[in-house]
Amino acid sequence: MRALAEFIMRGRAQACIVALLGNIFPFVSPATIGLVTLRKGSAEGLIVSLWAVLPLIGTYYLSDGNQLLTLVSVAALFMMVVAANVLRVTASWQWTMLLSVVVGVVIALGFGWFFSAAIDQFVQDVSDMFEQIAEEQKLEETPFIPGRQFILGLMAWMLTLSAIASLLVSRWWQALLYNPGGFQQEFHGLRLDSSVALLLIAAVLAGMYLPSEYKPWMQLLAVPLLVCGLALVHHSIGFLKLGGQWLGLLYFGLVFAGSSTALLLVGLGFADSILNLRARLAATKNR
């Protein structure tokens, strides 16, 4: 990864090449945009993002199917410029994550307004697919069928989570080149202010009483707490020298028991914001 980061930072042409070809691999194109933006500013990041968008533009015009997902992918790349620039200016992961949530909401609502017909068609396609599955499996009860608000909320959640994950990769690359070991210290110390954590958890708990249609919107608000919980687990495993197998177990749980593991991480992120569990862990070890 260090070699790739070095190649990206050799010049604009190299960064544009990686951004253009990086769509083949997860996180490579957005992380490239993030790295360039963090190091050289939003103008350079925007130029690189335009090259990353080129294959998506080709897909948009050549594809015969619903082109909504292609448009969402384009929005995600430009969202990286915004998120990385916020981190570059504020040097605060808390504000970066919160503003990423806001930008994700704005983009999703913008799609609902400007591409209403495409959203409705996508919702109809999903509804038809769920009904077909129910008929094939001969289910007695009608399964939950995602509607318009569910799809828009899911879009905002995916955009926000993708932006934060890609920005973490960008920051890691930046540390590899200019501040070895700095990213680990930065990520392991990631936590929210108690007032922010209280507002987020209150909104998430209040959202539990809303219909299932609005569930992704509540999950969106929990993303900063989820990331902070993940950072706390990384810190604890490293601090206690428990070994990499515990991290493997954590990500195994996220893949195969996603909702339960994510809920646990959200709870840990909230608890750490209120109780500063890292300091308590250090004090316990010292005793």
Protein backbone atom coordinates (compact mmCIF):
# COMPACT_ATOMS: atom_id res chain seq x y z
CA MET A 1 0.00 0.00 0.00
CA ARG A 2 2.90 2.35 0.67
CA ALA A 3 4.13 1.87 -2.89
CA LEU A 4 0.69 2.72 -4.25
CA ALA A 5 0.48 5.83 -2.06
CA GLU A 6 3.95 6.92 -3.21
CA PHE A 7 2.93 6.48 -6.85
CA ILE A 8 -0.22 8.56 -6.30
CA MET A 9 1.73 11.42 -4.76
CA ARG A 10 4.34 11.57 -7.53
CA GLY A 11 2.12 13.91 -9.52
CA ARG A 12 -1.32 14.71 -10.85
CA ALA A 13 -1.02 12.32 -13.82
CA GLN A 14 -0.20 9.35 -11.57
CA ALA A 15 -3.04 10.18 -9.19
CA CYS A 16 -5.50 10.48 -12.07
CA ILE A 17 -4.41 7.11 -13.48
CA VAL A 18 -4.97 5.36 -10.15
CA ALA A 19 -8.32 7.11 -9.70
CA LEU A 20 -9.38 6.10 -13.21
CA LEU A 21 -8.38 2.43 -12.88
CA GLY A 22 -9.14 2.14 -9.18
CA ASN A 23 -12.87 1.71 -9.77
CA ILE A 24 -12.11 -1.97 -10.29
CA PHE A 25 -11.14 -2.36 -6.62
CA PRO A 26 -13.05 -1.33 -3.48
CA PHE A 27 -12.06 2.00 -1.89
CA VAL A 28 -9.09 2.65 -4.22
CA SER A 29 -10.60 5.51 -6.27
CA PRO A 30 -12.24 7.35 -3.35
CA ALA A 31 -9.18 6.82 -1.14
CA THR A 32 -6.99 8.27 -3.90
CA ILE A 33 -9.23 11.33 -4.07
CA GLY A 34 -9.08 11.62 -0.30
CA LEU A 35 -5.29 11.37 -0.17
CA VAL A 36 -4.79 14.04 -2.84
CA THR A 37 -7.33 16.34 -1.18
CA LEU A 38 -5.76 15.91 2.25
CA ARG A 39 -2.30 16.70 0.94
CA LYS A 40 -2.91 19.21 -1.86
CA GLY A 41 -6.35 20.69 -1.28
CA SER A 42 -9.84 20.49 -2.71
CA ALA A 43 -8.95 21.83 -6.17
CA GLU A 44 -6.51 18.99 -6.86
CA GLY A 45 -8.89 16.49 -5.30
CA LEU A 46 -11.68 17.68 -7.60
CA ILE A 47 -9.49 17.26 -10.69
CA VAL A 48 -8.60 13.69 -9.66
CA SER A 49 -12.25 12.91 -8.93
CA LEU A 50 -13.21 13.96 -12.46
CA TRP A 51 -10.92 11.24 -13.83
CA ALA A 52 -12.41 8.70 -11.42
CA VAL A 53 -15.87 9.60 -12.72
CA LEU A 54 -15.03 8.89 -16.39
CA PRO A 55 -15.71 5.10 -16.30
CA LEU A 56 -18.98 5.79 -14.47
CA ILE A 57 -20.05 8.25 -17.14
CA GLY A 58 -19.42 5.57 -19.76
CA THR A 59 -21.48 3.09 -17.74
CA TYR A 60 -24.28 5.63 -17.41
CA TYR A 61 -24.63 6.15 -21.15
CA LEU A 62 -24.01 2.56 -22.24
CA SER A 63 -26.13 0.75 -19.67
CA ASP A 64 -29.72 -0.11 -20.51
CA GLY A 65 -30.81 -0.77 -16.92
CA ASN A 66 -31.62 1.53 -14.03
CA GLN A 67 -28.76 4.05 -13.89
CA LEU A 68 -29.48 5.21 -10.36
CA LEU A 69 -26.62 3.25 -8.78
CA THR A 70 -24.17 4.78 -11.25
CA LEU A 71 -25.30 8.27 -10.28
CA VAL A 72 -24.94 7.39 -6.59
CA SER A 73 -21.38 6.20 -7.25
CA VAL A 74 -20.59 9.52 -8.94
CA ALA A 75 -22.00 11.41 -5.96
CA ALA A 76 -19.91 9.29 -3.59
CA LEU A 77 -16.68 10.29 -5.36
CA PHE A 78 -17.44 14.00 -5.16
CA MET A 79 -18.52 13.54 -1.54
CA MET A 80 -14.96 12.35 -0.82
CA VAL A 81 -13.59 15.76 -1.82
CA VAL A 82 -15.91 17.42 0.70
CA ALA A 83 -15.19 14.97 3.54
CA ALA A 84 -11.42 15.05 3.03
CA ASN A 85 -11.38 18.84 2.85
CA VAL A 86 -13.35 19.08 6.10
CA LEU A 87 -10.80 16.83 7.82
CA ARG A 88 -7.95 18.81 6.28
CA VAL A 89 -9.33 22.14 7.53
CA THR A 90 -10.69 21.12 10.94
CA ALA A 91 -8.31 18.26 11.83
CA SER A 92 -11.32 16.83 13.67
CA TRP A 93 -12.74 13.39 12.97
CA GLN A 94 -15.82 14.26 15.00
CA TRP A 95 -16.78 17.17 12.75
CA THR A 96 -15.77 15.25 9.65
CA MET A 97 -18.08 12.36 10.52
CA LEU A 98 -20.97 14.63 11.51
CA LEU A 99 -20.69 16.70 8.33
CA SER A 100 -20.42 13.49 6.30
CA VAL A 101 -23.75 12.45 7.77
CA VAL A 102 -25.25 15.81 6.81
CA VAL A 103 -23.83 15.62 3.27
CA GLY A 104 -25.11 12.06 2.91
CA VAL A 105 -28.60 13.21 3.91
CA VAL A 106 -28.48 16.18 1.51
CA ILE A 107 -27.37 13.99 -1.40
CA ALA A 108 -30.04 11.36 -0.72
CA LEU A 109 -32.79 13.98 -0.46
CA GLY A 110 -31.43 15.65 -3.59
CA PHE A 111 -31.71 12.36 -5.47
CA GLY A 112 -35.27 12.00 -4.18
CA TRP A 113 -36.08 15.45 -5.58
CA PHE A 114 -34.16 15.60 -8.86
CA PHE A 115 -34.31 11.92 -9.82
CA SER A 116 -37.73 11.11 -8.43
CA ALA A 117 -38.72 8.92 -11.40
CA ALA A 118 -35.53 6.85 -11.15
CA ILE A 119 -36.07 6.40 -7.40
CA ASP A 120 -39.68 5.32 -7.94
CA GLN A 121 -38.60 2.83 -10.61
CA PHE A 122 -35.91 1.41 -8.34
CA VAL A 123 -38.41 1.08 -5.48
CA GLN A 124 -40.80 -0.71 -7.83
CA ASP A 125 -38.06 -3.10 -8.99
CA VAL A 126 -37.15 -3.92 -5.38
CA SER A 127 -40.81 -4.40 -4.49
CA ASP A 128 -41.32 -6.79 -7.43
CA MET A 129 -38.24 -8.76 -6.39
CA PHE A 130 -39.45 -9.14 -2.79
CA GLU A 131 -42.93 -10.20 -3.94
CA GLN A 132 -41.42 -12.79 -6.28
CA ILE A 133 -39.29 -14.20 -3.48
CA ALA A 134 -42.35 -14.38 -1.21
CA GLU A 135 -44.30 -16.25 -3.88
CA GLU A 136 -41.48 -18.69 -4.59
CA GLN A 137 -40.98 -19.48 -0.91
CA LYS A 138 -44.75 -19.51 -0.30
CA LEU A 139 -44.52 -17.27 2.75
CA GLU A 140 -47.70 -16.99 4.79
CA GLU A 141 -46.94 -13.48 6.04
CA THR A 142 -46.17 -10.64 3.67
CA PRO A 143 -42.52 -9.64 4.14
CA PHE A 144 -41.48 -6.05 4.70
CA ILE A 145 -41.08 -4.35 1.33
CA PRO A 146 -38.75 -1.34 1.30
CA GLY A 147 -40.39 1.87 0.19
CA ARG A 148 -39.13 5.24 -0.98
CA GLN A 149 -37.98 6.53 2.43
CA PHE A 150 -36.21 3.26 3.19
CA ILE A 151 -34.27 3.39 -0.10
CA LEU A 152 -33.30 7.05 0.37
CA GLY A 153 -32.19 6.37 3.94
CA LEU A 154 -30.20 3.37 2.82
CA MET A 155 -28.56 5.52 0.13
CA ALA A 156 -27.56 8.16 2.71
CA TRP A 157 -26.22 5.47 5.05
CA MET A 158 -24.14 3.82 2.32
CA LEU A 159 -22.73 7.15 1.10
CA THR A 160 -21.74 8.22 4.61
CA LEU A 161 -20.23 4.91 5.67
CA SER A 162 -18.33 4.60 2.38
CA ALA A 163 -16.96 8.15 2.67
CA ILE A 164 -15.73 7.64 6.23
CA ALA A 165 -14.19 4.23 5.46
CA SER A 166 -12.44 5.57 2.35
CA LEU A 167 -11.19 8.60 4.26
CA LEU A 168 -9.71 6.32 6.92
CA VAL A 169 -7.79 4.54 4.16
CA SER A 170 -6.64 7.92 2.78
CA ARG A 171 -5.43 9.02 6.20
CA TRP A 172 -3.62 5.71 6.63
CA TRP A 173 -1.85 6.20 3.31
CA GLN A 174 -0.93 9.74 4.27
CA ALA A 175 0.56 8.54 7.56
CA LEU A 176 2.56 5.83 5.77
CA LEU A 177 4.24 8.50 3.66
CA TYR A 178 4.61 11.46 5.99
CA ASN A 179 3.97 10.33 9.58
CA PRO A 180 4.64 6.61 10.16
CA GLY A 181 2.62 5.29 13.07
CA GLY A 182 0.58 8.47 13.29
CA PHE A 183 -2.60 6.98 11.90
CA GLN A 184 -2.74 4.26 14.54
CA GLN A 185 -2.46 6.82 17.32
CA GLU A 186 -5.06 9.03 15.66
CA PHE A 187 -7.56 6.23 15.03
CA HIS A 188 -7.10 4.59 18.43
CA GLY A 189 -7.90 7.91 20.12
CA LEU A 190 -11.06 8.55 18.12
CA ARG A 191 -14.05 9.44 20.33
CA LEU A 192 -16.97 11.86 20.35
CA ASP A 193 -17.74 14.64 22.80
CA SER A 194 -20.26 13.50 25.40
CA SER A 195 -22.85 16.08 24.31
CA VAL A 196 -22.64 14.96 20.68
CA ALA A 197 -22.86 11.29 21.67
CA LEU A 198 -25.93 11.98 23.83
CA LEU A 199 -27.71 13.77 20.99
CA LEU A 200 -26.95 10.97 18.54
CA ILE A 201 -27.98 8.14 20.85
CA ALA A 202 -31.17 10.00 21.82
CA ALA A 203 -32.08 10.39 18.15
CA VAL A 204 -31.32 6.72 17.48
CA LEU A 205 -33.43 5.55 20.44
CA ALA A 206 -36.29 7.84 19.44
CA GLY A 207 -36.11 6.40 15.94
CA MET A 208 -36.81 2.93 17.28
CA TYR A 209 -40.46 3.96 17.67
CA LEU A 210 -40.74 4.98 14.03
CA PRO A 211 -41.97 2.57 11.31
CA SER A 212 -39.44 0.18 9.75
CA GLU A 213 -39.43 2.41 6.67
CA TYR A 214 -37.24 4.91 8.57
CA LYS A 215 -34.79 2.41 10.07
CA PRO A 216 -31.86 3.30 7.73
CA TRP A 217 -32.11 6.95 8.78
CA MET A 218 -31.58 5.93 12.40
CA GLN A 219 -28.69 3.68 11.41
CA LEU A 220 -27.20 6.66 9.60
CA LEU A 221 -27.16 8.70 12.83
CA ALA A 222 -25.40 5.82 14.57
CA VAL A 223 -22.48 5.73 12.10
CA PRO A 224 -20.18 8.09 14.10
CA LEU A 225 -20.78 6.03 17.25
CA LEU A 226 -20.12 2.84 15.29
CA VAL A 227 -16.76 4.13 14.04
CA CYS A 228 -15.79 5.29 17.54
CA GLY A 229 -16.70 1.88 18.95
CA LEU A 230 -14.55 0.24 16.31
CA ALA A 231 -11.67 2.56 17.23
CA LEU A 232 -12.09 1.69 20.91
CA VAL A 233 -11.86 -2.04 20.19
CA HIS A 234 -8.74 -1.51 18.06
CA HIS A 235 -7.18 0.54 20.88
CA SER A 236 -8.08 -2.01 23.55
CA ILE A 237 -6.69 -4.96 21.60
CA GLY A 238 -3.46 -3.08 20.90
CA PHE A 239 -3.16 -1.72 24.45
CA LEU A 240 -3.66 -5.14 26.02
CA LYS A 241 -1.54 -6.85 23.33
CA LEU A 242 -4.20 -9.46 22.69
CA GLY A 243 -3.12 -10.33 19.14
CA GLY A 244 -4.54 -9.87 15.68
CA GLN A 245 -6.88 -12.84 15.95
CA TRP A 246 -9.24 -10.73 18.05
CA LEU A 247 -9.50 -8.16 15.28
CA GLY A 248 -10.20 -10.98 12.86
CA LEU A 249 -12.99 -12.17 15.16
CA LEU A 250 -14.40 -8.63 15.30
CA TYR A 251 -14.60 -8.26 11.52
CA PHE A 252 -15.91 -11.80 11.19
CA GLY A 253 -18.74 -10.75 13.48
CA LEU A 254 -19.39 -7.63 11.40
CA VAL A 255 -19.68 -9.72 8.24
CA PHE A 256 -21.72 -12.65 9.55
CA ALA A 257 -23.57 -11.09 12.50
CA GLY A 258 -23.66 -7.54 11.26
CA SER A 259 -26.58 -6.04 13.18
CA SER A 260 -25.65 -7.54 16.57
CA THR A 261 -21.96 -6.67 16.27
CA ALA A 262 -22.74 -3.17 14.98
CA LEU A 263 -25.15 -2.60 17.88
CA LEU A 264 -22.42 -3.64 20.33
CA LEU A 265 -19.93 -1.25 18.71
CA VAL A 266 -22.44 1.62 18.83
CA GLY A 267 -22.94 0.93 22.54
CA LEU A 268 -19.19 0.89 23.14
CA GLY A 269 -18.73 4.12 21.18
CA PHE A 270 -21.40 5.82 23.29
CA ALA A 271 -20.05 4.45 26.58
CA ASP A 272 -16.53 5.61 25.72
CA SER A 273 -17.76 9.11 24.90
CA ILE A 274 -19.47 9.36 28.29
CA LEU A 275 -17.06 7.40 30.53
CA ASN A 276 -13.72 7.66 28.67
CA LEU A 277 -13.13 3.91 28.76
CA ARG A 278 -9.61 4.28 27.39
CA ALA A 279 -8.50 6.24 30.47
CA ARG A 280 -10.22 3.75 32.75
CA LEU A 281 -8.55 0.86 30.95
CA ALA A 282 -5.14 2.48 31.35
CA ALA A 283 -5.76 3.16 35.04
CA THR A 284 -6.88 -0.43 35.60
CA LYS A 285 -3.78 -1.80 33.91
CA ASN A 286 -1.51 0.50 35.92
CA ARG A 287 -3.08 -0.71 39.16
